């Protein structure tokens, strides 16, 4: 059970990091001119971080479900 709790806590940290990456990319993107070639890079960074976030949330949900089964 402690192992599951440790994994949950690690995944929660990953979620915080992904959210921070999304926030930073959005702030940086807003600071650019609309016609900047870097916009595509920031959009890709946001999309990638959101995919990572979704993946971590699925793992976290599974851990909570397995914790409830014990």
N, C-alpha and C. Protein backbone atom coordinates (compact mmCIF):
# COMPACT_ATOMS: atom_id res chain seq x y z
N UNK A 1 0.82 -1.20 0.00
CA UNK A 1 0.00 0.00 0.00
C UNK A 1 0.87 1.26 0.00
N UNK A 2 1.95 1.24 0.78
CA UNK A 2 2.84 2.40 0.81
C UNK A 2 3.46 2.64 -0.55
N UNK A 3 3.76 1.55 -1.28
CA UNK A 3 4.33 1.68 -2.61
C UNK A 3 3.37 2.40 -3.55
N UNK A 4 2.11 2.07 -3.46
CA UNK A 4 1.10 2.73 -4.30
C UNK A 4 1.01 4.21 -3.94
N UNK A 5 1.03 4.51 -2.64
CA UNK A 5 0.97 5.91 -2.21
C UNK A 5 2.18 6.69 -2.72
N UNK A 6 3.35 6.07 -2.69
CA UNK A 6 4.56 6.72 -3.22
C UNK A 6 4.41 7.01 -4.71
N UNK A 7 3.89 6.03 -5.45
CA UNK A 7 3.68 6.21 -6.89
C UNK A 7 2.67 7.32 -7.16
N UNK A 8 1.62 7.38 -6.37
CA UNK A 8 0.62 8.43 -6.51
C UNK A 8 1.26 9.80 -6.30
N UNK A 9 2.08 9.92 -5.28
CA UNK A 9 2.73 11.19 -5.00
C UNK A 9 3.68 11.60 -6.13
N UNK A 10 4.40 10.64 -6.69
CA UNK A 10 5.29 10.93 -7.82
C UNK A 10 4.49 11.40 -9.04
N UNK A 11 3.37 10.75 -9.29
CA UNK A 11 2.54 11.15 -10.42
C UNK A 11 1.93 12.53 -10.20
N UNK A 12 1.60 12.85 -8.97
CA UNK A 12 1.09 14.18 -8.68
C UNK A 12 2.14 15.25 -8.96
N UNK A 13 3.40 14.93 -8.68
CA UNK A 13 4.50 15.85 -9.00
C UNK A 13 4.62 16.00 -10.52
N UNK A 14 4.50 14.90 -11.25
CA UNK A 14 4.54 14.96 -12.71
C UNK A 14 3.42 15.84 -13.26
N UNK A 15 2.25 15.75 -12.66
CA UNK A 15 1.11 16.57 -13.09
C UNK A 15 1.43 18.05 -12.85
N UNK A 16 1.99 18.37 -11.70
CA UNK A 16 2.36 19.76 -11.41
C UNK A 16 3.39 20.27 -12.41
N UNK A 17 4.36 19.42 -12.75
CA UNK A 17 5.39 19.82 -13.71
C UNK A 17 4.81 20.03 -15.10
N UNK A 18 3.89 19.16 -15.51
CA UNK A 18 3.26 19.31 -16.82
C UNK A 18 2.42 20.58 -16.87
N UNK A 19 1.69 20.85 -15.81
CA UNK A 19 0.90 22.08 -15.75
C UNK A 19 1.79 23.31 -15.80
N UNK A 20 2.93 23.25 -15.12
CA UNK A 20 3.87 24.38 -15.14
C UNK A 20 4.44 24.57 -16.54
N UNK A 21 4.74 23.47 -17.23
CA UNK A 21 5.25 23.57 -18.60
C UNK A 21 4.21 24.18 -19.54
N UNK A 22 2.96 23.78 -19.36
CA UNK A 22 1.88 24.35 -20.18
C UNK A 22 1.74 25.84 -19.90
N UNK A 23 1.73 26.22 -18.63
CA UNK A 23 1.60 27.63 -18.27
C UNK A 23 2.74 28.46 -18.85
N UNK A 24 3.96 27.95 -18.76
CA UNK A 24 5.12 28.69 -19.27
C UNK A 24 5.03 28.83 -20.79
N UNK A 25 4.70 27.76 -21.49
CA UNK A 25 4.60 27.83 -22.95
C UNK A 25 3.51 28.80 -23.38
N UNK A 26 2.40 28.82 -22.66
CA UNK A 26 1.32 29.75 -22.99
C UNK A 26 1.74 31.20 -22.74
N UNK A 27 2.42 31.45 -21.63
CA UNK A 27 2.91 32.80 -21.34
C UNK A 27 3.90 33.25 -22.41
N UNK A 28 4.83 32.36 -22.76
CA UNK A 28 5.83 32.70 -23.77
C UNK A 28 5.18 32.94 -25.13
N UNK A 29 4.18 32.12 -25.45
CA UNK A 29 3.49 32.28 -26.74
C UNK A 29 2.76 33.62 -26.80
N UNK A 30 2.14 34.01 -25.71
CA UNK A 30 1.41 35.28 -25.68
C UNK A 30 2.35 36.48 -25.84
N UNK A 31 3.61 36.31 -25.43
CA UNK A 31 4.57 37.39 -25.51
C UNK A 31 5.11 37.61 -26.93
N UNK A 32 4.85 36.66 -27.82
CA UNK A 32 5.36 36.76 -29.19
C UNK A 32 4.38 37.50 -30.09
N UNK A 33 4.93 38.02 -31.19
CA UNK A 33 4.07 38.58 -32.23
C UNK A 33 3.28 37.47 -32.89
N UNK A 34 2.11 37.79 -33.36
CA UNK A 34 1.22 36.79 -33.98
C UNK A 34 1.86 36.11 -35.19
N UNK A 35 2.78 36.79 -35.88
CA UNK A 35 3.37 36.22 -37.08
C UNK A 35 4.75 35.60 -36.84
N UNK A 36 5.11 35.42 -35.57
CA UNK A 36 6.42 34.86 -35.24
C UNK A 36 6.48 33.38 -35.64
N UNK A 37 7.60 32.96 -36.20
CA UNK A 37 7.75 31.54 -36.55
C UNK A 37 7.85 30.65 -35.31
N UNK A 38 8.07 31.23 -34.15
CA UNK A 38 8.17 30.45 -32.92
C UNK A 38 6.81 30.02 -32.38
N UNK A 39 5.75 30.61 -32.86
CA UNK A 39 4.40 30.26 -32.40
C UNK A 39 4.16 28.76 -32.55
N UNK A 40 4.55 28.20 -33.68
CA UNK A 40 4.35 26.77 -33.92
C UNK A 40 5.10 25.93 -32.90
N UNK A 41 6.31 26.35 -32.53
CA UNK A 41 7.07 25.61 -31.52
C UNK A 41 6.38 25.63 -30.16
N UNK A 42 5.86 26.79 -29.78
CA UNK A 42 5.15 26.88 -28.50
C UNK A 42 3.84 26.09 -28.53
N UNK A 43 3.15 26.11 -29.66
CA UNK A 43 1.93 25.31 -29.79
C UNK A 43 2.26 23.83 -29.65
N UNK A 44 3.36 23.40 -30.26
CA UNK A 44 3.78 22.00 -30.15
C UNK A 44 4.15 21.65 -28.71
N UNK A 45 4.80 22.58 -28.02
CA UNK A 45 5.17 22.34 -26.62
C UNK A 45 3.92 22.20 -25.75
N UNK A 46 2.93 23.04 -25.99
CA UNK A 46 1.68 22.95 -25.23
C UNK A 46 0.98 21.62 -25.52
N UNK A 47 0.91 21.24 -26.78
CA UNK A 47 0.25 19.98 -27.14
C UNK A 47 0.97 18.79 -26.52
N UNK A 48 2.28 18.80 -26.56
CA UNK A 48 3.06 17.71 -25.98
C UNK A 48 2.86 17.62 -24.47
N UNK A 49 2.88 18.75 -23.80
CA UNK A 49 2.68 18.76 -22.35
C UNK A 49 1.27 18.30 -21.99
N UNK A 50 0.30 18.67 -22.78
CA UNK A 50 -1.08 18.23 -22.51
C UNK A 50 -1.22 16.72 -22.71
N UNK A 51 -0.54 16.16 -23.71
CA UNK A 51 -0.57 14.71 -23.90
C UNK A 51 0.09 14.00 -22.72
N UNK A 52 1.21 14.53 -22.26
CA UNK A 52 1.89 13.95 -21.11
C UNK A 52 1.00 14.03 -19.88
N UNK A 53 0.32 15.13 -19.72
CA UNK A 53 -0.59 15.31 -18.59
C UNK A 53 -1.73 14.30 -18.63
N UNK A 54 -2.30 14.10 -19.79
CA UNK A 54 -3.39 13.12 -19.93
C UNK A 54 -2.90 11.71 -19.59
N UNK A 55 -1.71 11.38 -20.04
CA UNK A 55 -1.14 10.06 -19.76
C UNK A 55 -0.92 9.85 -18.27
N UNK A 56 -0.39 10.86 -17.61
CA UNK A 56 -0.14 10.76 -16.18
C UNK A 56 -1.46 10.67 -15.41
N UNK A 57 -2.45 11.41 -15.85
CA UNK A 57 -3.75 11.36 -15.16
C UNK A 57 -4.38 9.99 -15.27
N UNK A 58 -4.20 9.31 -16.41
CA UNK A 58 -4.72 7.94 -16.57
C UNK A 58 -4.00 7.01 -15.59
N UNK A 59 -2.68 7.12 -15.51
CA UNK A 59 -1.92 6.30 -14.57
C UNK A 59 -2.35 6.56 -13.14
N UNK A 60 -2.55 7.81 -12.81
CA UNK A 60 -2.97 8.18 -11.46
C UNK A 60 -4.35 7.59 -11.14
N UNK A 61 -5.25 7.67 -12.09
CA UNK A 61 -6.59 7.11 -11.88
C UNK A 61 -6.50 5.61 -11.62
N UNK A 62 -5.66 4.91 -12.38
CA UNK A 62 -5.50 3.46 -12.19
C UNK A 62 -4.95 3.15 -10.80
N UNK A 63 -3.99 3.96 -10.35
CA UNK A 63 -3.43 3.74 -9.02
C UNK A 63 -4.47 3.96 -7.93
N UNK A 64 -5.25 5.01 -8.07
CA UNK A 64 -6.32 5.25 -7.08
C UNK A 64 -7.31 4.09 -7.07
N UNK A 65 -7.63 3.58 -8.26
CA UNK A 65 -8.56 2.45 -8.32
C UNK A 65 -7.97 1.21 -7.69
N UNK A 66 -6.69 0.95 -7.93
CA UNK A 66 -6.05 -0.23 -7.33
C UNK A 66 -5.90 -0.06 -5.82
N UNK A 67 -5.71 1.17 -5.38
CA UNK A 67 -5.61 1.44 -3.94
C UNK A 67 -6.96 1.17 -3.28
N UNK A 68 -8.03 1.51 -3.97
CA UNK A 68 -9.36 1.27 -3.43
C UNK A 68 -9.74 -0.20 -3.36
N UNK A 69 -9.10 -1.01 -4.21
CA UNK A 69 -9.38 -2.45 -4.23
C UNK A 69 -8.79 -3.18 -3.03
N UNK A 70 -7.77 -2.57 -2.40
CA UNK A 70 -7.09 -3.24 -1.28
C UNK A 70 -7.91 -3.29 -0.05
